[in-house]
Each structure stands twice: as C-alpha cells, then as structure tokens.
Amino acid sequence: MRSSGERVVLCEVKTSAKVAQIKAFAESLKDFFDFFPEYDGRELIPVFCSWSLDDKVRRRISELKLYGVAMGDETMEIVARP
C-alpha cells in the first residue's frame, strides 16, 4: 500500500492469477476504509499484479474497475485499466 497525498494505491500480488482471486480482491475493497480510517477521503487505486494476466483475466480486472499489472518484456507494465 502506498499513499501519495490524495490517493492510496493498494496492490494484491499473486504468482498466477485466477478470476476468483480477482473477484475476492475487488470485494475486499469495500472494507478498506474500515480497516484504515486514516486514509478516509482519499481516492483508492486498486491494482492486481501477477507475472502474467491472460485475456480473460484482463477483461475481468477491467470490469471490476481495477488496474492490472503484469510482466512485460523487461519491466512490469499496466495491462488492464478500469
């Protein structure tokens, strides 16, 4: 988790991604500010990260209004957006 002024970036990292894990992560976001009230009022930017994200997983990430990050040719890249 990283906070930058008015935003908080929350990352879930898995070695391999499954649609059920992405859904669980998205559902857990509703409780974020209950557990971290010090960030209340800030924009929450949820990011799901894995070594690779196939097309089905990327679509689901976007549908759930998350960002997806996976390994590119040399560095991690944003591969899905809300």
PDB file of N, CA and C in Angstrom:
ATOM      1  N   MET A   1       0.851  -1.172   0.000  1.00  0.00           N
ATOM      2  CA  MET A   1       0.000   0.000   0.000  1.00  0.00           C
ATOM      3  C   MET A   1       0.892   1.229   0.000  1.00  0.00           C
ATOM      4  N   ARG A   2       0.538   2.200  -0.844  1.00  0.00           N
ATOM      5  CA  ARG A   2       1.310   3.431  -0.929  1.00  0.00           C
ATOM      6  C   ARG A   2       0.342   4.593  -0.942  1.00  0.00           C
ATOM      7  N   SER A   3       0.613   5.586  -0.124  1.00  0.00           N
ATOM      8  CA  SER A   3      -0.224   6.776  -0.064  1.00  0.00           C
ATOM      9  C   SER A   3       0.552   7.952  -0.631  1.00  0.00           C
ATOM     10  N   SER A   4      -0.124   8.715  -1.464  1.00  0.00           N
ATOM     11  CA  SER A   4       0.512   9.883  -2.061  1.00  0.00           C
ATOM     12  C   SER A   4      -0.477  11.035  -2.037  1.00  0.00           C
ATOM     13  N   GLY A   5      -0.454  11.800  -0.964  1.00  0.00           N
ATOM     14  CA  GLY A   5      -1.341  12.957  -0.879  1.00  0.00           C
ATOM     15  C   GLY A   5      -2.801  12.573  -0.825  1.00  0.00           C
ATOM     16  N   GLU A   6      -3.474  12.641  -1.974  1.00  0.00           N
ATOM     17  CA  GLU A   6      -4.905  12.399  -2.027  1.00  0.00           C
ATOM     18  C   GLU A   6      -5.265  11.005  -2.532  1.00  0.00           C
ATOM     19  N   ARG A   7      -4.278  10.147  -2.769  1.00  0.00           N
ATOM     20  CA  ARG A   7      -4.528   8.812  -3.307  1.00  0.00           C
ATOM     21  C   ARG A   7      -3.826   7.741  -2.476  1.00  0.00           C
ATOM     22  N   VAL A   8      -4.421   6.552  -2.505  1.00  0.00           N
ATOM     23  CA  VAL A   8      -3.824   5.379  -1.883  1.00  0.00           C
ATOM     24  C   VAL A   8      -3.810   4.274  -2.932  1.00  0.00           C
ATOM     25  N   VAL A   9      -2.646   3.674  -3.166  1.00  0.00           N
ATOM     26  CA  VAL A   9      -2.525   2.561  -4.107  1.00  0.00           C
ATOM     27  C   VAL A   9      -2.452   1.276  -3.292  1.00  0.00           C
ATOM     28  N   LEU A  10      -3.374   0.377  -3.551  1.00  0.00           N
ATOM     29  CA  LEU A  10      -3.426  -0.903  -2.850  1.00  0.00           C
ATOM     30  C   LEU A  10      -3.201  -2.018  -3.867  1.00  0.00           C
ATOM     31  N   CYS A  11      -2.175  -2.835  -3.641  1.00  0.00           N
ATOM     32  CA  CYS A  11      -1.827  -3.904  -4.576  1.00  0.00           C
ATOM     33  C   CYS A  11      -2.068  -5.277  -3.965  1.00  0.00           C
ATOM     34  N   GLU A  12      -2.647  -6.155  -4.778  1.00  0.00           N
ATOM     35  CA  GLU A  12      -2.762  -7.581  -4.459  1.00  0.00           C
ATOM     36  C   GLU A  12      -1.826  -8.276  -5.438  1.00  0.00           C
ATOM     37  N   VAL A  13      -0.929  -9.116  -4.939  1.00  0.00           N
ATOM     38  CA  VAL A  13       0.076  -9.752  -5.795  1.00  0.00           C
ATOM     39  C   VAL A  13      -0.052 -11.264  -5.690  1.00  0.00           C
ATOM     40  N   LYS A  14      -0.152 -11.919  -6.842  1.00  0.00           N
ATOM     41  CA  LYS A  14      -0.229 -13.376  -6.921  1.00  0.00           C
ATOM     42  C   LYS A  14       0.748 -13.854  -7.986  1.00  0.00           C
ATOM     43  N   THR A  15       1.318 -15.042  -7.781  1.00  0.00           N
ATOM     44  CA  THR A  15       2.229 -15.584  -8.800  1.00  0.00           C
ATOM     45  C   THR A  15       1.472 -15.998 -10.042  1.00  0.00           C
ATOM     46  N   SER A  16       0.263 -16.513  -9.873  1.00  0.00           N
ATOM     47  CA  SER A  16      -0.601 -16.807 -11.009  1.00  0.00           C
ATOM     48  C   SER A  16      -2.001 -16.322 -10.657  1.00  0.00           C
ATOM     49  N   ALA A  17      -2.679 -15.752 -11.620  1.00  0.00           N
ATOM     50  CA  ALA A  17      -3.961 -15.098 -11.355  1.00  0.00           C
ATOM     51  C   ALA A  17      -5.141 -15.979 -11.753  1.00  0.00           C
ATOM     52  N   LYS A  18      -6.121 -16.002 -10.880  1.00  0.00           N
ATOM     53  CA  LYS A  18      -7.373 -16.701 -11.155  1.00  0.00           C
ATOM     54  C   LYS A  18      -8.510 -15.697 -10.978  1.00  0.00           C
ATOM     55  N   VAL A  19      -9.554 -15.861 -11.777  1.00  0.00           N
ATOM     56  CA  VAL A  19     -10.679 -14.929 -11.736  1.00  0.00           C
ATOM     57  C   VAL A  19     -11.270 -14.843 -10.327  1.00  0.00           C
ATOM     58  N   ALA A  20     -11.338 -15.947  -9.615  1.00  0.00           N
ATOM     59  CA  ALA A  20     -11.898 -15.938  -8.249  1.00  0.00           C
ATOM     60  C   ALA A  20     -11.070 -15.059  -7.315  1.00  0.00           C
ATOM     61  N   GLN A  21      -9.750 -15.056  -7.491  1.00  0.00           N
ATOM     62  CA  GLN A  21      -8.884 -14.213  -6.653  1.00  0.00           C
ATOM     63  C   GLN A  21      -9.133 -12.735  -6.937  1.00  0.00           C
ATOM     64  N   ILE A  22      -9.347 -12.419  -8.187  1.00  0.00           N
ATOM     65  CA  ILE A  22      -9.592 -11.028  -8.579  1.00  0.00           C
ATOM     66  C   ILE A  22     -10.920 -10.555  -7.999  1.00  0.00           C
ATOM     67  N   LYS A  23     -11.939 -11.398  -8.083  1.00  0.00           N
ATOM     68  CA  LYS A  23     -13.248 -11.049  -7.524  1.00  0.00           C
ATOM     69  C   LYS A  23     -13.145 -10.850  -6.010  1.00  0.00           C
ATOM     70  N   ALA A  24     -12.423 -11.730  -5.330  1.00  0.00           N
ATOM     71  CA  ALA A  24     -12.255 -11.607  -3.871  1.00  0.00           C
ATOM     72  C   ALA A  24     -11.538 -10.307  -3.512  1.00  0.00           C
ATOM     73  N   PHE A  25     -10.520  -9.951  -4.283  1.00  0.00           N
ATOM     74  CA  PHE A  25      -9.804  -8.698  -4.047  1.00  0.00           C
ATOM     75  C   PHE A  25     -10.746  -7.510  -4.214  1.00  0.00           C
ATOM     76  N   ALA A  26     -11.525  -7.518  -5.289  1.00  0.00           N
ATOM     77  CA  ALA A  26     -12.463  -6.418  -5.543  1.00  0.00           C
ATOM     78  C   ALA A  26     -13.477  -6.297  -4.408  1.00  0.00           C
ATOM     79  N   GLU A  27     -13.967  -7.424  -3.913  1.00  0.00           N
ATOM     80  CA  GLU A  27     -14.941  -7.398  -2.824  1.00  0.00           C
ATOM     81  C   GLU A  27     -14.324  -6.889  -1.523  1.00  0.00           C
ATOM     82  N   SER A  28     -13.056  -7.174  -1.312  1.00  0.00           N
ATOM     83  CA  SER A  28     -12.396  -6.738  -0.076  1.00  0.00           C
ATOM     84  C   SER A  28     -12.202  -5.223  -0.026  1.00  0.00           C
ATOM     85  N   LEU A  29     -12.269  -4.574  -1.161  1.00  0.00           N
ATOM     86  CA  LEU A  29     -12.043  -3.129  -1.208  1.00  0.00           C
ATOM     87  C   LEU A  29     -13.093  -2.339  -0.436  1.00  0.00           C
ATOM     88  N   LYS A  30     -14.299  -2.880  -0.363  1.00  0.00           N
ATOM     89  CA  LYS A  30     -15.365  -2.151   0.335  1.00  0.00           C
ATOM     90  C   LYS A  30     -15.069  -1.982   1.824  1.00  0.00           C
ATOM     91  N   ASP A  31     -14.210  -2.844   2.377  1.00  0.00           N
ATOM     92  CA  ASP A  31     -13.864  -2.762   3.798  1.00  0.00           C
ATOM     93  C   ASP A  31     -12.565  -1.997   4.059  1.00  0.00           C
ATOM     94  N   PHE A  32     -11.903  -1.548   3.009  1.00  0.00           N
ATOM     95  CA  PHE A  32     -10.591  -0.934   3.165  1.00  0.00           C
ATOM     96  C   PHE A  32     -10.595   0.225   4.168  1.00  0.00           C
ATOM     97  N   PHE A  33     -11.519   1.159   4.002  1.00  0.00           N
ATOM     98  CA  PHE A  33     -11.513   2.345   4.856  1.00  0.00           C
ATOM     99  C   PHE A  33     -11.964   2.038   6.286  1.00  0.00           C
ATOM    100  N   ASP A  34     -12.656   0.911   6.497  1.00  0.00           N
ATOM    101  CA  ASP A  34     -12.984   0.483   7.866  1.00  0.00           C
ATOM    102  C   ASP A  34     -11.714   0.055   8.602  1.00  0.00           C
ATOM    103  N   PHE A  35     -10.808  -0.618   7.886  1.00  0.00           N
ATOM    104  CA  PHE A  35      -9.562  -1.091   8.492  1.00  0.00           C
ATOM    105  C   PHE A  35      -8.485  -0.006   8.536  1.00  0.00           C
ATOM    106  N   PHE A  36      -8.565   0.938   7.613  1.00  0.00           N
ATOM    107  CA  PHE A  36      -7.567   2.011   7.541  1.00  0.00           C
ATOM    108  C   PHE A  36      -8.266   3.375   7.499  1.00  0.00           C
ATOM    109  N   PRO A  37      -8.894   3.777   8.599  1.00  0.00           N
ATOM    110  CA  PRO A  37      -9.648   5.032   8.610  1.00  0.00           C
ATOM    111  C   PRO A  37      -8.763   6.260   8.387  1.00  0.00           C
ATOM    112  N   GLU A  38      -7.468   6.135   8.613  1.00  0.00           N
ATOM    113  CA  GLU A  38      -6.568   7.271   8.404  1.00  0.00           C
ATOM    114  C   GLU A  38      -6.495   7.690   6.928  1.00  0.00           C
ATOM    115  N   TYR A  39      -6.961   6.819   6.024  1.00  0.00           N
ATOM    116  CA  TYR A  39      -6.958   7.148   4.590  1.00  0.00           C
ATOM    117  C   TYR A  39      -8.330   7.583   4.089  1.00  0.00           C
ATOM    118  N   ASP A  40      -9.282   7.693   4.984  1.00  0.00           N
ATOM    119  CA  ASP A  40     -10.635   8.088   4.596  1.00  0.00           C
ATOM    120  C   ASP A  40     -10.611   9.413   3.839  1.00  0.00           C
ATOM    121  N   GLY A  41     -11.376   9.473   2.771  1.00  0.00           N
ATOM    122  CA  GLY A  41     -11.444  10.675   1.956  1.00  0.00           C
ATOM    123  C   GLY A  41     -10.456  10.692   0.798  1.00  0.00           C
ATOM    124  N   ARG A  42      -9.565   9.725   0.770  1.00  0.00           N
ATOM    125  CA  ARG A  42      -8.599   9.650  -0.335  1.00  0.00           C
ATOM    126  C   ARG A  42      -9.119   8.707  -1.416  1.00  0.00           C
ATOM    127  N   GLU A  43      -8.661   8.920  -2.625  1.00  0.00           N
ATOM    128  CA  GLU A  43      -9.019   8.038  -3.733  1.00  0.00           C
ATOM    129  C   GLU A  43      -8.246   6.722  -3.593  1.00  0.00           C
ATOM    130  N   LEU A  44      -8.964   5.614  -3.657  1.00  0.00           N
ATOM    131  CA  LEU A  44      -8.342   4.293  -3.576  1.00  0.00           C
ATOM    132  C   LEU A  44      -8.103   3.772  -4.994  1.00  0.00           C
ATOM    133  N   ILE A  45      -6.854   3.444  -5.300  1.00  0.00           N
ATOM    134  CA  ILE A  45      -6.487   2.907  -6.617  1.00  0.00           C
ATOM    135  C   ILE A  45      -6.096   1.440  -6.416  1.00  0.00           C
ATOM    136  N   PRO A  46      -7.002   0.510  -6.775  1.00  0.00           N
ATOM    137  CA  PRO A  46      -6.719  -0.906  -6.586  1.00  0.00           C
ATOM    138  C   PRO A  46      -5.973  -1.500  -7.783  1.00  0.00           C
ATOM    139  N   VAL A  47      -4.918  -2.263  -7.490  1.00  0.00           N
ATOM    140  CA  VAL A  47      -4.075  -2.844  -8.538  1.00  0.00           C
ATOM    141  C   VAL A  47      -3.900  -4.332  -8.264  1.00  0.00           C
ATOM    142  N   PHE A  48      -4.194  -5.159  -9.263  1.00  0.00           N
ATOM    143  CA  PHE A  48      -3.971  -6.602  -9.164  1.00  0.00           C
ATOM    144  C   PHE A  48      -2.737  -6.923 -10.000  1.00  0.00           C
ATOM    145  N   CYS A  49      -1.730  -7.544  -9.382  1.00  0.00           N
ATOM    146  CA  CYS A  49      -0.440  -7.802 -10.036  1.00  0.00           C
ATOM    147  C   CYS A  49      -0.149  -9.298 -10.107  1.00  0.00           C
ATOM    148  N   SER A  50       0.431  -9.712 -11.224  1.00  0.00           N
ATOM    149  CA  SER A  50       0.857 -11.094 -11.379  1.00  0.00           C
ATOM    150  C   SER A  50       1.913 -11.159 -12.480  1.00  0.00           C
ATOM    151  N   TRP A  51       2.622 -12.298 -12.560  1.00  0.00           N
ATOM    152  CA  TRP A  51       3.638 -12.443 -13.615  1.00  0.00           C
ATOM    153  C   TRP A  51       3.005 -12.308 -14.982  1.00  0.00           C
ATOM    154  N   SER A  52       1.823 -12.903 -15.148  1.00  0.00           N
ATOM    155  CA  SER A  52       1.122 -12.784 -16.428  1.00  0.00           C
ATOM    156  C   SER A  52      -0.374 -12.751 -16.157  1.00  0.00           C
ATOM    157  N   LEU A  53      -1.102 -12.092 -17.037  1.00  0.00           N
ATOM    158  CA  LEU A  53      -2.555 -11.983 -16.945  1.00  0.00           C
ATOM    159  C   LEU A  53      -3.121 -12.278 -18.327  1.00  0.00           C
ATOM    160  N   ASP A  54      -3.844 -13.392 -18.461  1.00  0.00           N
ATOM    161  CA  ASP A  54      -4.395 -13.724 -19.777  1.00  0.00           C
ATOM    162  C   ASP A  54      -5.576 -12.810 -20.104  1.00  0.00           C
ATOM    163  N   ASP A  55      -6.075 -12.915 -21.320  1.00  0.00           N
ATOM    164  CA  ASP A  55      -7.127 -12.009 -21.791  1.00  0.00           C
ATOM    165  C   ASP A  55      -8.394 -12.084 -20.936  1.00  0.00           C
ATOM    166  N   LYS A  56      -8.797 -13.291 -20.544  1.00  0.00           N
ATOM    167  CA  LYS A  56      -9.995 -13.447 -19.710  1.00  0.00           C
ATOM    168  C   LYS A  56      -9.821 -12.724 -18.379  1.00  0.00           C
ATOM    169  N   VAL A  57      -8.670 -12.885 -17.781  1.00  0.00           N
ATOM    170  CA  VAL A  57      -8.372 -12.232 -16.501  1.00  0.00           C
ATOM    171  C   VAL A  57      -8.300 -10.719 -16.682  1.00  0.00           C
ATOM    172  N   ARG A  58      -7.678 -10.266 -17.744  1.00  0.00           N
ATOM    173  CA  ARG A  58      -7.596  -8.815 -18.005  1.00  0.00           C
ATOM    174  C   ARG A  58      -8.970  -8.193 -18.143  1.00  0.00           C
ATOM    175  N   ARG A  59      -9.856  -8.883 -18.874  1.00  0.00           N
ATOM    176  CA  ARG A  59     -11.223  -8.364 -19.046  1.00  0.00           C
ATOM    177  C   ARG A  59     -11.930  -8.253 -17.694  1.00  0.00           C
ATOM    178  N   ARG A  60     -11.779  -9.269 -16.868  1.00  0.00           N
ATOM    179  CA  ARG A  60     -12.438  -9.259 -15.555  1.00  0.00           C
ATOM    180  C   ARG A  60     -11.877  -8.153 -14.667  1.00  0.00           C
ATOM    181  N   ILE A  61     -10.581  -7.946 -14.724  1.00  0.00           N
ATOM    182  CA  ILE A  61      -9.951  -6.863 -13.959  1.00  0.00           C
ATOM    183  C   ILE A  61     -10.556  -5.520 -14.365  1.00  0.00           C
ATOM    184  N   SER A  62     -10.664  -5.288 -15.656  1.00  0.00           N
ATOM    185  CA  SER A  62     -11.241  -4.030 -16.148  1.00  0.00           C
ATOM    186  C   SER A  62     -12.702  -3.886 -15.743  1.00  0.00           C
ATOM    187  N   GLU A  63     -13.474  -4.981 -15.865  1.00  0.00           N
ATOM    188  CA  GLU A  63     -14.889  -4.945 -15.491  1.00  0.00           C
ATOM    189  C   GLU A  63     -15.082  -4.581 -14.025  1.00  0.00           C
ATOM    190  N   LEU A  64     -14.163  -5.029 -13.179  1.00  0.00           N
ATOM    191  CA  LEU A  64     -14.262  -4.762 -11.745  1.00  0.00           C
ATOM    192  C   LEU A  64     -13.630  -3.422 -11.348  1.00  0.00           C
ATOM    193  N   LYS A  65     -13.243  -2.643 -12.355  1.00  0.00           N
ATOM    194  CA  LYS A  65     -12.693  -1.296 -12.151  1.00  0.00           C
ATOM    195  C   LYS A  65     -11.371  -1.318 -11.378  1.00  0.00           C
ATOM    196  N   LEU A  66     -10.521  -2.290 -11.730  1.00  0.00           N
ATOM    197  CA  LEU A  66      -9.194  -2.416 -11.146  1.00  0.00           C
ATOM    198  C   LEU A  66      -8.156  -2.129 -12.219  1.00  0.00           C
ATOM    199  N   TYR A  67      -6.931  -1.925 -11.781  1.00  0.00           N
ATOM    200  CA  TYR A  67      -5.790  -1.891 -12.692  1.00  0.00           C
ATOM    201  C   TYR A  67      -5.140  -3.266 -12.649  1.00  0.00           C
ATOM    202  N   GLY A  68      -4.580  -3.685 -13.762  1.00  0.00           N
ATOM    203  CA  GLY A  68      -3.848  -4.951 -13.827  1.00  0.00           C
ATOM    204  C   GLY A  68      -2.410  -4.690 -14.232  1.00  0.00           C
ATOM    205  N   VAL A  69      -1.473  -5.298 -13.526  1.00  0.00           N
ATOM    206  CA  VAL A  69      -0.047  -5.132 -13.815  1.00  0.00           C
ATOM    207  C   VAL A  69       0.565  -6.521 -13.986  1.00  0.00           C
ATOM    208  N   ALA A  70       1.322  -6.688 -15.076  1.00  0.00           N
ATOM    209  CA  ALA A  70       1.981  -7.965 -15.351  1.00  0.00           C
ATOM    210  C   ALA A  70       3.352  -7.699 -15.947  1.00  0.00           C
ATOM    211  N   MET A  71       4.144  -8.744 -16.004  1.00  0.00           N
ATOM    212  CA  MET A  71       5.496  -8.630 -16.536  1.00  0.00           C
ATOM    213  C   MET A  71       5.445  -8.389 -18.038  1.00  0.00           C
ATOM    214  N   GLY A  72       6.159  -7.360 -18.496  1.00  0.00           N
ATOM    215  CA  GLY A  72       6.309  -7.084 -19.918  1.00  0.00           C
ATOM    216  C   GLY A  72       7.630  -7.662 -20.392  1.00  0.00           C
ATOM    217  N   ASP A  73       8.189  -7.104 -21.454  1.00  0.00           N
ATOM    218  CA  ASP A  73       9.462  -7.593 -21.983  1.00  0.00           C
ATOM    219  C   ASP A  73      10.607  -7.406 -21.001  1.00  0.00           C
ATOM    220  N   GLU A  74      10.618  -6.276 -20.315  1.00  0.00           N
ATOM    221  CA  GLU A  74      11.720  -6.001 -19.389  1.00  0.00           C
ATOM    222  C   GLU A  74      11.273  -5.555 -18.001  1.00  0.00           C
ATOM    223  N   THR A  75      10.089  -4.978 -17.898  1.00  0.00           N
ATOM    224  CA  THR A  75       9.598  -4.472 -16.615  1.00  0.00           C
ATOM    225  C   THR A  75       8.110  -4.790 -16.468  1.00  0.00           C
ATOM    226  N   MET A  76       7.584  -4.540 -15.289  1.00  0.00           N
ATOM    227  CA  MET A  76       6.151  -4.687 -15.067  1.00  0.00           C
ATOM    228  C   MET A  76       5.430  -3.574 -15.828  1.00  0.00           C
ATOM    229  N   GLU A  77       4.267  -3.917 -16.407  1.00  0.00           N
ATOM    230  CA  GLU A  77       3.514  -2.958 -17.213  1.00  0.00           C
ATOM    231  C   GLU A  77       2.040  -3.000 -16.815  1.00  0.00           C
ATOM    232  N   ILE A  78       1.373  -1.863 -16.960  1.00  0.00           N
ATOM    233  CA  ILE A  78      -0.066  -1.828 -16.777  1.00  0.00           C
ATOM    234  C   ILE A  78      -0.686  -2.475 -18.016  1.00  0.00           C
ATOM    235  N   VAL A  79      -1.428  -3.572 -17.824  1.00  0.00           N
ATOM    236  CA  VAL A  79      -2.001  -4.296 -18.946  1.00  0.00           C
ATOM    237  C   VAL A  79      -3.528  -4.263 -18.940  1.00  0.00           C
ATOM    238  N   ALA A  80      -4.124  -3.745 -17.867  1.00  0.00           N
ATOM    239  CA  ALA A  80      -5.578  -3.617 -17.784  1.00  0.00           C
ATOM    240  C   ALA A  80      -5.905  -2.354 -16.990  1.00  0.00           C
ATOM    241  N   ARG A  81      -6.938  -1.674 -17.436  1.00  0.00           N
ATOM    242  CA  ARG A  81      -7.375  -0.442 -16.779  1.00  0.00           C
ATOM    243  C   ARG A  81      -8.876  -0.500 -16.550  1.00  0.00           C
ATOM    244  N   PRO A  82      -9.348   0.242 -15.545  1.00  0.00           N
ATOM    245  CA  PRO A  82     -10.800   0.262 -15.290  1.00  0.00           C
ATOM    246  C   PRO A  82     -11.571   0.791 -16.492  1.00  0.00           C
TER     247      PRO A  82
END
